[in-house]
Protein backbone atom coordinates (compact mmCIF):
# COMPACT_ATOMS: atom_id res chain seq x y z
CA MET A 1 167.17 69.70 104.14
CA LYS A 2 164.02 72.17 104.91
CA THR A 3 166.43 74.96 103.74
CA LEU A 4 166.98 73.13 100.16
CA LEU A 5 163.29 72.28 99.78
CA THR A 6 161.90 76.17 100.62
CA ALA A 7 164.56 77.37 97.98
CA TRP A 8 163.23 75.05 95.37
CA CYS A 9 159.80 75.97 96.04
CA LEU A 10 160.51 79.84 96.14
CA LEU A 11 162.15 79.02 92.66
CA MET A 12 159.51 77.12 90.91
CA LEU A 13 157.21 79.79 92.31
CA GLN A 14 158.98 82.88 90.87
CA PHE A 15 159.19 80.66 87.53
CA PHE A 16 155.28 79.93 87.29
CA THR A 17 154.75 83.64 88.39
CA ALA A 18 157.05 84.56 85.44
CA GLN A 19 155.44 82.40 83.08
CA GLU A 20 151.64 84.09 84.18
CA ASN A 21 152.93 87.58 83.53
CA GLU A 22 154.82 87.21 80.00
CA ILE A 23 153.08 88.87 77.62
CA TYR A 24 152.68 87.06 74.17
CA ALA A 25 151.84 89.10 71.01
CA ASP A 26 148.65 88.63 69.19
CA GLY A 27 148.40 86.50 66.47
CA ILE A 28 146.67 89.04 63.81
CA PHE A 29 150.43 90.84 64.14
CA GLY A 30 152.20 87.64 63.20
CA PHE A 31 154.31 88.66 59.91
CA GLU A 32 156.54 86.93 57.83
CA GLN A 33 160.15 87.47 57.07
CA ASN A 34 161.35 88.68 53.60
CA LYS A 35 157.42 89.46 52.67
CA THR A 36 156.24 92.84 51.68
CA GLN A 37 154.30 94.82 53.92
CA LYS A 38 152.36 97.89 54.26
CA ILE A 39 152.08 100.52 56.84
CA PHE A 40 148.60 101.20 58.27
CA THR A 41 149.23 104.08 61.06
CA ASN A 42 150.01 107.37 59.87
CA TRP A 43 153.44 108.57 61.05
CA THR A 44 154.84 105.20 62.31
CA ARG A 45 158.22 105.76 63.75
CA VAL A 46 161.43 103.96 62.75
CA ARG A 47 163.52 103.43 65.54
CA LYS A 48 167.42 102.45 65.63
CA GLU A 49 166.73 99.65 68.03
CA PRO A 50 163.67 97.68 68.88
CA ASP A 51 162.76 99.53 71.82
CA ALA A 52 159.97 102.38 72.28
CA ASN A 53 162.83 104.31 73.84
CA SER A 54 165.04 104.28 71.12
CA PRO A 55 166.22 107.28 69.21
CA ILE A 56 163.89 107.87 66.27
CA LEU A 57 165.57 107.31 62.64
CA ASP A 58 162.33 108.10 60.36
CA SER A 59 158.73 108.13 60.35
CA LEU A 60 156.45 106.43 57.53
CA GLN A 61 153.03 107.33 56.18
CA SER A 62 149.94 104.87 55.91
CA ASN A 63 150.64 102.96 52.62
CA GLN A 64 154.11 102.99 52.62
CA THR A 65 155.40 99.64 51.48
CA ILE A 66 158.28 97.84 53.78
CA MET A 67 159.96 94.70 53.73
CA VAL A 68 159.74 92.43 56.52
CA LEU A 69 163.30 91.21 57.42
CA ASN A 70 162.89 89.77 60.68
CA LYS A 71 160.66 89.60 63.97
CA GLU A 72 162.80 90.34 66.96
CA GLU A 73 161.77 87.70 69.29
CA THR A 74 164.79 88.14 71.86
CA VAL A 75 163.17 91.57 72.93
CA PRO A 76 160.37 92.15 74.94
CA VAL A 77 156.74 91.81 73.30
CA LEU A 78 155.18 95.56 73.58
CA GLN A 79 151.72 96.15 74.87
CA LEU A 80 149.63 99.40 73.83
CA GLY A 81 146.11 99.00 75.22
CA GLU A 82 144.91 95.78 74.32
CA ARG A 83 147.11 95.21 71.40
CA LYS A 84 150.56 93.19 71.93
CA ALA A 85 152.90 92.62 69.18
CA ASN A 86 156.52 92.33 68.43
CA TRP A 87 158.72 94.53 66.98
CA TYR A 88 160.03 94.19 63.49
CA LYS A 89 163.26 94.58 61.48
CA ILE A 90 162.26 96.52 58.28
CA SER A 91 163.77 98.13 55.08
CA TYR A 92 161.74 100.56 52.57
CA GLN A 93 162.69 102.91 50.04
CA LYS A 94 162.02 106.70 49.71
CA GLY A 95 162.81 108.10 46.27
CA ASP A 96 166.16 107.29 45.63
CA VAL A 97 167.41 106.06 49.61
CA ALA A 98 167.09 102.74 50.68
CA SER A 99 166.68 102.56 54.37
CA GLU A 100 166.59 100.00 57.34
CA GLY A 101 165.23 100.42 61.09
CA TYR A 102 162.64 98.92 63.52
CA VAL A 103 158.69 99.42 63.82
CA TRP A 104 156.36 97.97 66.22
CA GLY A 105 154.03 95.53 64.51
CA GLY A 106 150.95 97.00 65.59
CA ASN A 107 151.49 99.65 63.25
CA LEU A 108 151.37 97.40 60.42
CA CYS A 109 148.32 96.45 58.21
CA VAL A 110 146.78 93.01 58.97
CA GLY A 111 145.30 92.97 55.28
CA TYR A 112 145.79 95.20 52.37
CA ARG A 113 144.31 95.09 48.77
CA ASN A 114 144.66 96.91 45.48
CA LYS A 115 141.41 97.67 43.18
CA ASN A 116 140.91 100.31 40.12
CA GLY A 117 143.73 102.43 41.42
CA TYR A 118 142.93 102.42 44.95
CA ASP A 119 144.84 100.80 47.87
CA PHE A 120 142.71 99.35 50.83
CA LEU A 121 143.80 99.12 54.20
CA LEU A 122 143.03 96.68 56.95
CA GLY A 123 144.89 97.72 60.60
CA LEU A 124 144.26 98.04 64.36
CA SER A 125 144.72 101.59 65.39
CA LYS A 126 143.73 101.88 69.35
CA THR A 127 142.16 100.32 72.17
CA ILE A 128 139.04 102.34 73.86
CA SER A 129 137.16 102.45 77.23
CA LYS A 130 133.65 101.13 76.31
CA LYS A 131 130.83 101.47 78.93
CA ILE A 132 128.57 98.46 79.42
CA LYS A 133 125.37 99.89 80.27
CA GLU A 134 123.93 96.67 81.34
CA LEU A 135 126.93 95.96 84.03
CA ASN A 136 127.37 99.91 84.63
CA SER A 137 131.09 99.41 84.03
CA PHE A 138 133.85 99.97 81.16
CA GLU A 139 135.35 97.21 79.29
CA LYS A 140 138.49 97.69 76.88
CA GLN A 141 137.57 97.28 72.99
CA ASN A 142 140.02 97.23 70.16
CA ILE A 143 139.09 99.57 67.31
CA ALA A 144 140.04 98.49 63.70
CA GLY A 145 139.93 100.36 60.82
CA ILE A 146 139.88 100.51 56.75
CA LYS A 147 141.37 103.06 54.91
CA VAL A 148 141.11 103.75 50.84
CA MET A 149 144.37 105.39 49.63
CA GLU A 150 145.17 106.85 46.61
CA GLY A 151 149.04 106.90 46.67
CA ASN A 152 149.73 108.57 49.82
CA ASN A 153 146.38 110.62 49.69
CA LEU A 154 143.63 109.38 51.99
CA ILE A 155 140.33 109.26 50.56
CA ASP A 156 138.44 107.62 53.24
CA GLU A 157 138.26 105.64 56.08
CA VAL A 158 136.05 103.98 58.52
CA TYR A 159 136.39 102.41 62.14
CA PHE A 160 134.57 99.52 64.00
CA ASP A 161 135.17 97.54 67.31
CA THR A 162 136.83 94.32 67.14
CA GLY A 163 136.31 93.17 70.90
CA LYS A 164 139.32 92.19 73.34
CA GLY A 165 143.18 90.91 73.07
CA GLU A 166 142.08 87.15 73.02
CA GLU A 167 139.74 87.80 69.63
CA LEU A 168 142.78 88.94 67.54
CA SER A 169 144.37 85.41 66.52
CA SER A 170 143.68 85.97 62.80
CA ALA A 171 142.37 88.34 60.09
CA ALA A 172 141.21 88.09 56.35
CA PHE A 173 140.51 90.89 53.80
CA ASN A 174 138.65 90.71 50.72
CA ILE A 175 137.30 92.70 47.82
CA GLU A 176 133.54 90.95 46.65
CA SER A 177 131.28 92.27 43.96
CA ASN A 178 128.76 94.82 44.23
CA HIS A 179 126.10 92.11 45.42
CA LYS A 180 123.94 93.84 42.97
CA LEU A 181 123.39 96.79 45.50
CA GLN A 182 122.54 100.20 43.63
CA ASN A 183 125.50 102.76 42.92
CA VAL A 184 127.75 100.53 44.68
CA GLU A 185 130.97 99.93 43.13
CA PHE A 186 132.14 96.93 44.92
CA THR A 187 132.24 95.40 48.62
CA LEU A 188 135.22 94.74 51.51
CA LYS A 189 135.02 92.31 54.17
CA ALA A 190 136.94 92.33 56.62
CA MET A 191 137.25 89.15 59.28
CA ILE A 192 138.99 89.30 62.69
CA SER A 193 138.62 86.48 64.81
CA GLY A 194 139.76 84.33 68.12
CA GLU A 195 140.52 80.61 67.68
CA ALA A 196 139.24 79.78 70.85
CA CYS A 197 135.79 77.85 71.58
CA GLY A 198 133.55 80.87 72.92
CA ILE A 199 135.74 83.49 71.47
CA ALA A 200 134.16 85.65 69.20
CA GLY A 201 135.03 86.70 65.62
CA TYR A 202 133.81 89.72 63.98
CA ASP A 203 132.68 90.41 59.87
CA GLN A 204 132.42 93.85 58.84
CA TYR A 205 131.24 94.69 54.91
CA VAL A 206 132.17 98.06 53.44
CA LEU A 207 130.56 99.34 50.53
CA PHE A 208 132.49 101.49 47.98
CA LYS A 209 131.01 103.90 46.18
CA ASP A 210 131.92 107.28 44.69
CA LYS A 211 134.95 107.12 46.68
CA LYS A 212 133.40 106.66 49.74
CA LEU A 213 133.07 104.00 52.42
CA VAL A 214 129.80 103.17 53.93
CA ALA A 215 130.21 100.24 56.78
CA LEU A 216 127.05 97.87 57.40
CA PRO A 217 126.26 97.09 60.81
CA GLN A 218 129.14 94.77 62.22
CA LEU A 219 127.89 90.94 62.18
CA MET A 220 129.50 88.54 65.25
CA ASN A 221 129.81 84.79 65.33
CA VAL A 222 130.69 82.49 68.09
CA GLY A 223 130.43 78.80 69.11
CA ASP A 224 131.57 76.81 71.67
CA ALA A 225 132.46 73.19 71.01
CA GLY A 226 128.86 71.57 69.28
CA VAL A 227 127.37 73.03 72.78
CA TYR A 228 126.08 76.37 71.73
CA TYR A 229 126.86 78.94 68.69
CA HIS A 230 125.31 82.13 67.45
CA SER A 231 125.39 83.09 63.84
CA GLU A 232 124.88 86.68 61.84
CA VAL A 233 124.82 86.78 58.36
CA TYR A 234 123.82 88.98 55.15
CA VAL A 235 121.75 88.19 52.44
CA PHE A 236 122.47 90.11 49.58
CA PRO A 237 120.13 91.02 46.56
CA ASN A 238 122.73 88.51 44.61
CA ASP A 239 122.29 85.75 47.29
CA LYS A 240 119.65 83.07 46.95
CA GLY A 241 116.29 84.35 48.99
CA GLY A 242 117.86 87.91 48.52
CA ILE A 243 115.43 91.44 47.98
CA HIS A 244 116.23 94.22 45.20
CA ASP A 245 117.60 96.87 46.68
CA ALA A 246 117.91 95.83 50.16
CA PHE A 247 120.14 93.33 52.26
CA VAL A 248 118.79 91.76 54.95
CA PHE A 249 120.58 90.59 58.29
CA LYS A 250 119.98 87.04 59.64
CA MET A 251 120.55 85.48 63.40
CA GLU A 252 120.18 82.06 64.88
CA ASP A 253 121.25 80.73 68.13
CA VAL A 254 121.69 76.98 68.75
CA GLU A 255 122.27 75.59 72.12
CA VAL A 256 122.73 72.00 73.10
CA ASP A 257 121.41 71.10 76.76
CA GLU A 258 122.84 67.90 79.12
CA LYS A 259 120.57 65.60 77.58
CA GLU A 260 121.63 66.77 73.88
CA LYS A 261 118.36 68.48 73.23
CA GLU A 262 118.96 71.05 70.81
CA THR A 263 117.13 74.72 70.85
CA LYS A 264 117.13 76.76 68.14
CA LYS A 265 116.33 80.42 68.00
CA SER A 266 116.26 83.02 64.78
CA SER A 267 115.36 86.29 63.45
CA SER A 268 115.99 88.30 61.02
CA LYS A 269 115.53 92.12 59.76
CA THR A 270 115.73 94.02 56.36
CA TYR A 271 117.65 96.89 55.44
CA LEU A 272 116.33 99.38 52.29
CA TRP A 273 119.50 100.38 50.12
CA ASN A 274 118.49 103.64 48.31
CA GLY A 275 122.42 104.23 46.31
CA ASN A 276 123.56 106.19 48.80
CA SER A 277 122.67 104.86 52.49
CA TYR A 278 120.77 102.14 53.85
CA GLN A 279 117.86 102.28 56.61
CA LEU A 280 116.10 99.62 58.74
CA LYS A 281 112.58 98.63 57.18
């Protein structure tokens, strides 16, 4: 009986250990089948099978349109740095030739838009180790990027931090107005966030002017179930309370203690815009 009980305990231990070690794909890399998508990472490898060691059939450039045929859920999720994604079976067209193969989901756009003949791509490009001065240690950070393409030609690109793996649950990518900023054609807004309480979300505004991308200081928002939240927003000239040729950064912290007493802190700073660049007032 003891032998049977010991065997059962070992089996359950192995089961839970396997569950803890299992890698789950980041939600941001969840793509629907039978939907068109775009390649973000230049020279993305197309493989014969959903495996990093499988023979390479082809390579695809940024802005290549593909069709997602299927998510390969029967093969392990591949993790590169802090990015974790499934393999996808795709089809695509190069000239008159139609082809199929497998690509890693981390190389695909998590958002893309088209305006005035330009394609704007949002993707996660890599993971870097960033030094945290206060702790005198290094922390892994994911890097997102926005590219502006004219066909196959890269016109400009900007990159920004997006936190760690748990902060890659979802993404949104929109084109907004020029917010009445001088010489700005329009504004791009990328939003990357986690879903759980206490997990940060990032808003990245990028101005588009004269075929150039100008990234504004990044905004971060985080909340914890009515106990605490940290909010950062911009007030642009076309917003209520906006200032001509400037954008205003506003920050608010709200914390609720055990007696449900609310403590609020806020601050703001103004960035002047001269039609080409910004500077802190």
